[in-house]
Amino acid sequence: MKQFEQLDEILNRFKEPKRDQLIPILQEVQEKEGYISREAVRLIGQRLRIPAGKIYGVATFYNQFRFKPIGKYHIQVCRGTACHVKGSSRVMDTLTQELKIKPGETTRDGLFSVEVVACLGACGLAPVVSINGEFYANMTGRKLSKLLREYRRKENQKQ
């Protein structure tokens, strides 16, 4: 029920919402929920009188939109030119081996999700990894393994 209330709240902020407001609405929904759920697409479609397929068509065009929940720690691996040249593929290999997930997936415990991004805009720090917006520079497989252990340790201390 809370999800519907949040969605209604978002849609009500748009006076007589129209098709040209679809992207801002999707952005707000994702900001609140962390992703765009099927139910959100259905409700937005009803309110804007747009078929769900059209909404998915628009949303999948932009990399910013997600259709699955992300982990508590959302890891973004930069694959821009500088990061690629300096070894971001080895960093990604370490992530997929240690977390046992592929880019776009979330670990079963909901702790980590991994996303490949075209560029994080921190080329001088290459290769760069971002976890919940915090940047980690000159990343290597070994540094990343240590960083993942620290995040897990932090979670274990909370329990």
N, C-alpha and C. Protein backbone atom coordinates (compact mmCIF):
# COMPACT_ATOMS: atom_id res chain seq x y z
N MET A 1 0.82 -1.20 0.00
CA MET A 1 0.00 0.00 0.00
C MET A 1 0.86 1.26 0.00
N LYS A 2 1.98 1.22 0.72
CA LYS A 2 2.86 2.39 0.81
C LYS A 2 3.37 2.79 -0.57
N GLN A 3 3.69 1.79 -1.41
CA GLN A 3 4.18 2.06 -2.76
C GLN A 3 3.15 2.88 -3.54
N PHE A 4 1.88 2.49 -3.45
CA PHE A 4 0.82 3.19 -4.18
C PHE A 4 0.68 4.62 -3.68
N GLU A 5 0.80 4.80 -2.38
CA GLU A 5 0.70 6.14 -1.81
C GLU A 5 1.83 7.03 -2.32
N GLN A 6 3.06 6.48 -2.35
CA GLN A 6 4.19 7.25 -2.86
C GLN A 6 4.00 7.61 -4.32
N LEU A 7 3.51 6.66 -5.09
CA LEU A 7 3.30 6.90 -6.51
C LEU A 7 2.22 7.95 -6.72
N ASP A 8 1.13 7.84 -5.98
CA ASP A 8 0.07 8.85 -6.07
C ASP A 8 0.61 10.22 -5.70
N GLU A 9 1.42 10.27 -4.66
CA GLU A 9 2.02 11.52 -4.22
C GLU A 9 2.86 12.14 -5.34
N ILE A 10 3.65 11.32 -6.00
CA ILE A 10 4.49 11.81 -7.11
C ILE A 10 3.61 12.30 -8.26
N LEU A 11 2.65 11.48 -8.66
CA LEU A 11 1.79 11.85 -9.79
C LEU A 11 0.94 13.08 -9.48
N ASN A 12 0.54 13.25 -8.24
CA ASN A 12 -0.27 14.40 -7.87
C ASN A 12 0.51 15.71 -7.89
N ARG A 13 1.84 15.61 -7.81
CA ARG A 13 2.66 16.83 -7.91
C ARG A 13 2.66 17.40 -9.33
N PHE A 14 2.32 16.57 -10.28
CA PHE A 14 2.24 17.01 -11.66
C PHE A 14 0.78 17.34 -11.96
N LYS A 15 0.52 18.61 -12.19
CA LYS A 15 -0.84 19.03 -12.50
C LYS A 15 -1.25 18.44 -13.84
N GLU A 16 -2.33 17.71 -13.85
CA GLU A 16 -2.81 17.06 -15.06
C GLU A 16 -1.64 16.47 -15.86
N PRO A 17 -1.00 15.42 -15.32
CA PRO A 17 0.20 14.88 -15.96
C PRO A 17 -0.04 14.48 -17.42
N LYS A 18 0.96 14.78 -18.24
CA LYS A 18 0.88 14.49 -19.67
C LYS A 18 2.10 13.69 -20.09
N ARG A 19 2.08 13.22 -21.33
CA ARG A 19 3.16 12.39 -21.87
C ARG A 19 4.53 13.05 -21.75
N ASP A 20 4.58 14.36 -21.96
CA ASP A 20 5.89 15.03 -21.92
C ASP A 20 6.49 15.09 -20.52
N GLN A 21 5.74 14.66 -19.53
CA GLN A 21 6.25 14.62 -18.16
C GLN A 21 6.67 13.21 -17.75
N LEU A 22 6.64 12.27 -18.69
CA LEU A 22 6.95 10.88 -18.37
C LEU A 22 8.35 10.72 -17.78
N ILE A 23 9.35 11.30 -18.38
CA ILE A 23 10.72 11.11 -17.88
C ILE A 23 10.88 11.69 -16.48
N PRO A 24 10.45 12.93 -16.22
CA PRO A 24 10.55 13.42 -14.83
C PRO A 24 9.78 12.56 -13.83
N ILE A 25 8.64 12.02 -14.25
CA ILE A 25 7.87 11.14 -13.35
C ILE A 25 8.66 9.87 -13.08
N LEU A 26 9.20 9.25 -14.12
CA LEU A 26 10.01 8.04 -13.93
C LEU A 26 11.22 8.32 -13.04
N GLN A 27 11.85 9.47 -13.22
CA GLN A 27 13.00 9.82 -12.39
C GLN A 27 12.61 9.92 -10.92
N GLU A 28 11.47 10.55 -10.66
CA GLU A 28 11.03 10.68 -9.26
C GLU A 28 10.66 9.33 -8.65
N VAL A 29 9.99 8.49 -9.44
CA VAL A 29 9.62 7.17 -8.94
C VAL A 29 10.87 6.39 -8.59
N GLN A 30 11.85 6.41 -9.48
CA GLN A 30 13.09 5.68 -9.20
C GLN A 30 13.83 6.26 -8.00
N GLU A 31 13.79 7.56 -7.86
CA GLU A 31 14.44 8.21 -6.71
C GLU A 31 13.81 7.72 -5.40
N LYS A 32 12.49 7.60 -5.40
CA LYS A 32 11.78 7.16 -4.18
C LYS A 32 11.90 5.66 -3.93
N GLU A 33 11.70 4.85 -5.01
CA GLU A 33 11.64 3.40 -4.85
C GLU A 33 12.97 2.71 -5.08
N GLY A 34 13.89 3.38 -5.77
CA GLY A 34 15.17 2.78 -6.09
C GLY A 34 15.19 2.10 -7.45
N TYR A 35 14.02 1.92 -8.03
CA TYR A 35 13.87 1.32 -9.35
C TYR A 35 12.44 1.58 -9.83
N ILE A 36 12.18 1.17 -11.09
CA ILE A 36 10.84 1.32 -11.65
C ILE A 36 10.17 -0.06 -11.64
N SER A 37 9.20 -0.24 -10.79
CA SER A 37 8.52 -1.53 -10.68
C SER A 37 7.46 -1.68 -11.77
N ARG A 38 7.05 -2.93 -12.00
CA ARG A 38 5.98 -3.19 -12.98
C ARG A 38 4.70 -2.46 -12.58
N GLU A 39 4.43 -2.49 -11.29
CA GLU A 39 3.22 -1.83 -10.79
C GLU A 39 3.29 -0.33 -11.04
N ALA A 40 4.46 0.27 -10.87
CA ALA A 40 4.62 1.70 -11.12
C ALA A 40 4.38 2.00 -12.59
N VAL A 41 4.90 1.18 -13.48
CA VAL A 41 4.69 1.37 -14.92
C VAL A 41 3.19 1.30 -15.23
N ARG A 42 2.52 0.32 -14.65
CA ARG A 42 1.08 0.15 -14.88
C ARG A 42 0.29 1.39 -14.43
N LEU A 43 0.60 1.86 -13.21
CA LEU A 43 -0.13 3.01 -12.67
C LEU A 43 0.19 4.30 -13.44
N ILE A 44 1.44 4.47 -13.80
CA ILE A 44 1.81 5.66 -14.59
C ILE A 44 1.09 5.61 -15.93
N GLY A 45 1.06 4.43 -16.55
CA GLY A 45 0.37 4.28 -17.82
C GLY A 45 -1.10 4.63 -17.73
N GLN A 46 -1.74 4.19 -16.65
CA GLN A 46 -3.16 4.51 -16.46
C GLN A 46 -3.36 6.02 -16.33
N ARG A 47 -2.51 6.63 -15.51
CA ARG A 47 -2.67 8.06 -15.23
C ARG A 47 -2.39 8.92 -16.47
N LEU A 48 -1.36 8.53 -17.24
CA LEU A 48 -0.98 9.31 -18.41
C LEU A 48 -1.67 8.84 -19.70
N ARG A 49 -2.41 7.74 -19.57
CA ARG A 49 -3.07 7.13 -20.73
C ARG A 49 -2.04 6.76 -21.81
N ILE A 50 -1.01 6.06 -21.34
CA ILE A 50 0.06 5.56 -22.22
C ILE A 50 0.18 4.06 -21.98
N PRO A 51 0.25 3.27 -23.04
CA PRO A 51 0.44 1.82 -22.84
C PRO A 51 1.77 1.53 -22.15
N ALA A 52 1.78 0.49 -21.34
CA ALA A 52 3.00 0.11 -20.61
C ALA A 52 4.17 -0.11 -21.56
N GLY A 53 3.91 -0.69 -22.71
CA GLY A 53 4.97 -0.93 -23.69
C GLY A 53 5.66 0.34 -24.13
N LYS A 54 4.91 1.41 -24.27
CA LYS A 54 5.49 2.71 -24.64
C LYS A 54 6.36 3.25 -23.51
N ILE A 55 5.90 3.06 -22.27
CA ILE A 55 6.68 3.52 -21.12
C ILE A 55 7.99 2.77 -21.05
N TYR A 56 7.94 1.45 -21.21
CA TYR A 56 9.16 0.65 -21.21
C TYR A 56 10.07 1.07 -22.37
N GLY A 57 9.48 1.37 -23.52
CA GLY A 57 10.27 1.81 -24.67
C GLY A 57 11.06 3.07 -24.37
N VAL A 58 10.42 4.02 -23.72
CA VAL A 58 11.11 5.26 -23.35
C VAL A 58 12.15 4.99 -22.27
N ALA A 59 11.75 4.26 -21.23
CA ALA A 59 12.64 4.04 -20.09
C ALA A 59 13.87 3.21 -20.44
N THR A 60 13.71 2.23 -21.32
CA THR A 60 14.86 1.40 -21.68
C THR A 60 15.82 2.12 -22.61
N PHE A 61 15.38 3.19 -23.23
CA PHE A 61 16.26 3.98 -24.09
C PHE A 61 17.35 4.66 -23.26
N TYR A 62 17.01 5.03 -22.02
CA TYR A 62 17.94 5.74 -21.14
C TYR A 62 18.57 4.78 -20.14
N ASN A 63 19.89 4.84 -20.00
CA ASN A 63 20.61 3.97 -19.07
C ASN A 63 20.29 4.26 -17.61
N GLN A 64 19.77 5.41 -17.31
CA GLN A 64 19.56 5.79 -15.92
C GLN A 64 18.45 5.00 -15.22
N PHE A 65 17.56 4.38 -15.99
CA PHE A 65 16.42 3.70 -15.37
C PHE A 65 16.71 2.23 -15.13
N ARG A 66 16.27 1.75 -13.96
CA ARG A 66 16.43 0.34 -13.56
C ARG A 66 15.06 -0.25 -13.32
N PHE A 67 14.95 -1.55 -13.58
CA PHE A 67 13.68 -2.25 -13.39
C PHE A 67 13.76 -3.32 -12.33
N LYS A 68 14.90 -3.38 -11.64
CA LYS A 68 15.08 -4.32 -10.53
C LYS A 68 15.66 -3.54 -9.36
N PRO A 69 15.34 -3.97 -8.14
CA PRO A 69 15.92 -3.29 -6.98
C PRO A 69 17.44 -3.44 -6.97
N ILE A 70 18.11 -2.42 -6.50
CA ILE A 70 19.57 -2.49 -6.38
C ILE A 70 19.94 -2.86 -4.95
N GLY A 71 21.19 -3.28 -4.79
CA GLY A 71 21.67 -3.68 -3.48
C GLY A 71 21.87 -2.49 -2.56
N LYS A 72 22.06 -2.79 -1.31
CA LYS A 72 22.33 -1.75 -0.32
C LYS A 72 23.59 -0.98 -0.72
N TYR A 73 24.54 -1.70 -1.28
CA TYR A 73 25.78 -1.09 -1.78
C TYR A 73 25.79 -1.25 -3.30
N HIS A 74 25.53 -0.15 -3.99
CA HIS A 74 25.46 -0.17 -5.45
C HIS A 74 26.84 0.19 -6.01
N ILE A 75 27.46 -0.80 -6.64
CA ILE A 75 28.82 -0.64 -7.15
C ILE A 75 28.76 -0.32 -8.64
N GLN A 76 29.37 0.79 -9.00
CA GLN A 76 29.47 1.17 -10.41
C GLN A 76 30.93 1.08 -10.83
N VAL A 77 31.16 0.37 -11.91
CA VAL A 77 32.51 0.21 -12.44
C VAL A 77 32.60 1.02 -13.72
N CYS A 78 33.53 1.95 -13.75
CA CYS A 78 33.71 2.80 -14.92
C CYS A 78 34.42 2.01 -16.02
N ARG A 79 33.89 2.13 -17.24
CA ARG A 79 34.50 1.47 -18.39
C ARG A 79 34.87 2.50 -19.45
N GLY A 80 35.01 3.76 -19.04
CA GLY A 80 35.45 4.79 -19.96
C GLY A 80 36.86 4.48 -20.46
N THR A 81 37.31 5.22 -21.43
CA THR A 81 38.60 4.94 -22.07
C THR A 81 39.75 4.86 -21.08
N ALA A 82 39.90 5.87 -20.24
CA ALA A 82 41.02 5.88 -19.29
C ALA A 82 40.95 4.68 -18.34
N CYS A 83 39.76 4.39 -17.85
CA CYS A 83 39.61 3.26 -16.93
C CYS A 83 39.84 1.93 -17.65
N HIS A 84 39.37 1.84 -18.87
CA HIS A 84 39.58 0.63 -19.65
C HIS A 84 41.07 0.37 -19.87
N VAL A 85 41.78 1.42 -20.28
CA VAL A 85 43.21 1.29 -20.55
C VAL A 85 43.98 0.91 -19.29
N LYS A 86 43.52 1.40 -18.14
CA LYS A 86 44.23 1.14 -16.89
C LYS A 86 43.72 -0.10 -16.15
N GLY A 87 42.86 -0.90 -16.78
CA GLY A 87 42.54 -2.20 -16.20
C GLY A 87 41.19 -2.37 -15.53
N SER A 88 40.20 -1.60 -15.90
CA SER A 88 38.90 -1.77 -15.25
C SER A 88 38.28 -3.15 -15.55
N SER A 89 38.69 -3.79 -16.64
CA SER A 89 38.14 -5.12 -16.92
C SER A 89 38.60 -6.13 -15.86
N ARG A 90 39.82 -5.98 -15.35
CA ARG A 90 40.30 -6.88 -14.28
C ARG A 90 39.54 -6.60 -12.98
N VAL A 91 39.21 -5.35 -12.76
CA VAL A 91 38.42 -4.98 -11.58
C VAL A 91 37.04 -5.64 -11.69
N MET A 92 36.44 -5.57 -12.87
CA MET A 92 35.13 -6.19 -13.09
C MET A 92 35.21 -7.69 -12.91
N ASP A 93 36.28 -8.31 -13.41
CA ASP A 93 36.46 -9.76 -13.23
C ASP A 93 36.49 -10.13 -11.75
N THR A 94 37.19 -9.34 -10.96
CA THR A 94 37.25 -9.58 -9.51
C THR A 94 35.85 -9.49 -8.90
N LEU A 95 35.11 -8.47 -9.29
CA LEU A 95 33.75 -8.30 -8.76
C LEU A 95 32.86 -9.49 -9.08
N THR A 96 32.86 -9.90 -10.33
CA THR A 96 31.98 -11.01 -10.72
C THR A 96 32.39 -12.31 -10.06
N GLN A 97 33.68 -12.51 -9.84
CA GLN A 97 34.14 -13.73 -9.17
C GLN A 97 33.79 -13.72 -7.69
N GLU A 98 34.04 -12.61 -7.04
CA GLU A 98 33.82 -12.55 -5.59
C GLU A 98 32.34 -12.49 -5.21
N LEU A 99 31.57 -11.74 -5.98
CA LEU A 99 30.15 -11.59 -5.64
C LEU A 99 29.27 -12.63 -6.32
N LYS A 100 29.83 -13.30 -7.32
CA LYS A 100 29.10 -14.33 -8.07
C LYS A 100 27.84 -13.79 -8.73
N ILE A 101 27.97 -12.56 -9.25
CA ILE A 101 26.89 -11.94 -10.03
C ILE A 101 27.51 -11.25 -11.24
N LYS A 102 26.67 -10.98 -12.21
CA LYS A 102 27.07 -10.26 -13.41
C LYS A 102 26.60 -8.81 -13.29
N PRO A 103 27.15 -7.93 -14.13
CA PRO A 103 26.64 -6.55 -14.15
C PRO A 103 25.13 -6.53 -14.36
N GLY A 104 24.45 -5.69 -13.62
CA GLY A 104 23.01 -5.59 -13.70
C GLY A 104 22.29 -6.47 -12.70
N GLU A 105 23.05 -7.24 -11.91
CA GLU A 105 22.45 -8.14 -10.94
C GLU A 105 22.73 -7.68 -9.51
N THR A 106 22.00 -8.29 -8.59
CA THR A 106 22.14 -8.01 -7.16
C THR A 106 22.39 -9.34 -6.45
N THR A 107 23.26 -9.31 -5.44
CA THR A 107 23.54 -10.53 -4.70
C THR A 107 22.27 -11.00 -3.99
N ARG A 108 22.19 -12.30 -3.72
CA ARG A 108 20.99 -12.87 -3.10
C ARG A 108 20.65 -12.23 -1.78
N ASP A 109 21.68 -11.84 -1.03
CA ASP A 109 21.42 -11.22 0.27
C ASP A 109 21.01 -9.75 0.15
N GLY A 110 20.98 -9.22 -1.08
CA GLY A 110 20.57 -7.83 -1.30
C GLY A 110 21.62 -6.81 -0.91
N LEU A 111 22.81 -7.28 -0.60
CA LEU A 111 23.85 -6.38 -0.12
C LEU A 111 24.53 -5.60 -1.25
N PHE A 112 24.88 -6.29 -2.33
CA PHE A 112 25.63 -5.65 -3.41
C PHE A 112 24.92 -5.77 -4.75
N SER A 113 25.01 -4.71 -5.54
CA SER A 113 24.61 -4.77 -6.95
C SER A 113 25.74 -4.16 -7.76
N VAL A 114 25.84 -4.60 -9.00
CA VAL A 114 26.95 -4.17 -9.86
C VAL A 114 26.38 -3.59 -11.15
N GLU A 115 26.95 -2.47 -11.54
CA GLU A 115 26.56 -1.82 -12.78
C GLU A 115 27.81 -1.34 -13.50
N VAL A 116 27.85 -1.53 -14.80
CA VAL A 116 28.92 -0.99 -15.63
C VAL A 116 28.42 0.35 -16.16
N VAL A 117 29.24 1.39 -16.03
CA VAL A 117 28.87 2.70 -16.55
C VAL A 117 29.89 3.16 -17.58
N ALA A 118 29.43 3.94 -18.53
CA ALA A 118 30.31 4.39 -19.61
C ALA A 118 31.42 5.30 -19.10
N CYS A 119 31.11 6.16 -18.15
CA CYS A 119 32.13 7.05 -17.60
C CYS A 119 31.63 7.66 -16.31
N LEU A 120 32.51 7.72 -15.32
CA LEU A 120 32.16 8.35 -14.05
C LEU A 120 32.71 9.77 -13.97
N GLY A 121 33.47 10.17 -14.99
CA GLY A 121 33.99 11.53 -15.03
C GLY A 121 35.15 11.78 -14.09
N ALA A 122 35.89 10.75 -13.77
CA ALA A 122 37.04 10.88 -12.87
C ALA A 122 38.26 10.21 -13.52
N CYS A 123 38.52 10.58 -14.75
CA CYS A 123 39.55 9.90 -15.56
C CYS A 123 40.94 9.95 -14.93
N GLY A 124 41.25 11.00 -14.22
CA GLY A 124 42.55 11.12 -13.57
C GLY A 124 42.74 10.12 -12.43
N LEU A 125 41.68 9.49 -12.00
CA LEU A 125 41.73 8.53 -10.89
C LEU A 125 41.64 7.08 -11.38
N ALA A 126 41.69 6.89 -12.68
CA ALA A 126 41.45 5.58 -13.31
C ALA A 126 42.37 4.49 -12.80
N PRO A 127 41.81 3.27 -12.74
CA PRO A 127 40.41 2.90 -12.88
C PRO A 127 39.62 3.23 -11.62
N VAL A 128 38.38 3.64 -11.83
CA VAL A 128 37.54 4.13 -10.73
C VAL A 128 36.34 3.21 -10.52
N VAL A 129 36.01 3.03 -9.24
CA VAL A 129 34.81 2.32 -8.83
C VAL A 129 34.06 3.26 -7.89
N SER A 130 32.75 3.30 -8.02
CA SER A 130 31.92 4.09 -7.12
C SER A 130 31.01 3.14 -6.36
N ILE A 131 30.94 3.34 -5.04
CA ILE A 131 30.00 2.57 -4.22
C ILE A 131 29.11 3.58 -3.52
N ASN A 132 27.83 3.55 -3.88
CA ASN A 132 26.85 4.51 -3.36
C ASN A 132 27.34 5.95 -3.50
N GLY A 133 27.99 6.23 -4.63
CA GLY A 133 28.43 7.60 -4.91
C GLY A 133 29.80 7.96 -4.36
N GLU A 134 30.40 7.09 -3.58
CA GLU A 134 31.75 7.36 -3.06
C GLU A 134 32.76 6.74 -4.02
N PHE A 135 33.71 7.55 -4.47
CA PHE A 135 34.68 7.10 -5.47
C PHE A 135 35.91 6.47 -4.83
N TYR A 136 36.37 5.40 -5.47
CA TYR A 136 37.60 4.72 -5.05
C TYR A 136 38.53 4.71 -6.25
N ALA A 137 39.69 5.34 -6.09
CA ALA A 137 40.62 5.57 -7.20
C ALA A 137 41.67 4.49 -7.33
N ASN A 138 42.26 4.44 -8.53
CA ASN A 138 43.37 3.52 -8.82
C ASN A 138 43.05 2.10 -8.36
N MET A 139 41.84 1.67 -8.66
CA MET A 139 41.34 0.39 -8.17
C MET A 139 42.05 -0.78 -8.85
N THR A 140 42.34 -1.78 -8.03
CA THR A 140 42.89 -3.05 -8.52
C THR A 140 42.01 -4.17 -7.97
N GLY A 141 42.20 -5.36 -8.47
CA GLY A 141 41.46 -6.50 -7.95
C GLY A 141 41.71 -6.69 -6.46
N ARG A 142 42.96 -6.57 -6.06
CA ARG A 142 43.33 -6.75 -4.65
C ARG A 142 42.68 -5.68 -3.76
N LYS A 143 42.74 -4.42 -4.21
CA LYS A 143 42.11 -3.34 -3.44
C LYS A 143 40.61 -3.55 -3.33
N LEU A 144 40.01 -4.00 -4.42
CA LEU A 144 38.57 -4.21 -4.43
C LEU A 144 38.18 -5.35 -3.48
N SER A 145 38.94 -6.42 -3.48
CA SER A 145 38.66 -7.54 -2.56
C SER A 145 38.69 -7.06 -1.12
N LYS A 146 39.67 -6.26 -0.80
CA LYS A 146 39.80 -5.71 0.56
C LYS A 146 38.61 -4.80 0.88
N LEU A 147 38.22 -3.98 -0.08
CA LEU A 147 37.09 -3.07 0.10
C LEU A 147 35.78 -3.84 0.33
N LEU A 148 35.57 -4.89 -0.43
CA LEU A 148 34.37 -5.71 -0.24
C LEU A 148 34.35 -6.36 1.15
N ARG A 149 35.51 -6.82 1.60
CA ARG A 149 35.59 -7.40 2.96
C ARG A 149 35.24 -6.35 4.01
N GLU A 150 35.68 -5.10 3.81
CA GLU A 150 35.36 -4.03 4.76
C GLU A 150 33.85 -3.77 4.81
N TYR A 151 33.22 -3.73 3.65
CA TYR A 151 31.77 -3.52 3.61
C TYR A 151 31.03 -4.67 4.29
N ARG A 152 31.48 -5.89 4.05
CA ARG A 152 30.84 -7.05 4.69
C ARG A 152 31.04 -7.00 6.21
N ARG A 153 32.25 -6.65 6.62
CA ARG A 153 32.54 -6.55 8.06
C ARG A 153 31.64 -5.51 8.71
N LYS A 154 31.47 -4.39 8.04
CA LYS A 154 30.61 -3.32 8.55
C LYS A 154 29.17 -3.84 8.72
N GLU A 155 28.69 -4.62 7.77
CA GLU A 155 27.34 -5.18 7.85
C GLU A 155 27.23 -6.19 8.98
N ASN A 156 28.24 -7.02 9.14
CA ASN A 156 28.22 -8.02 10.21
C ASN A 156 28.23 -7.38 11.59
N GLN A 157 28.89 -6.24 11.73
CA GLN A 157 28.91 -5.54 13.01
C GLN A 157 27.55 -4.97 13.36
N LYS A 158 26.75 -4.64 12.36
CA LYS A 158 25.42 -4.09 12.59
C LYS A 158 24.44 -5.13 13.12
N GLN A 159 24.74 -6.40 12.81
CA GLN A 159 23.79 -7.46 13.19
C GLN A 159 24.00 -7.94 14.58
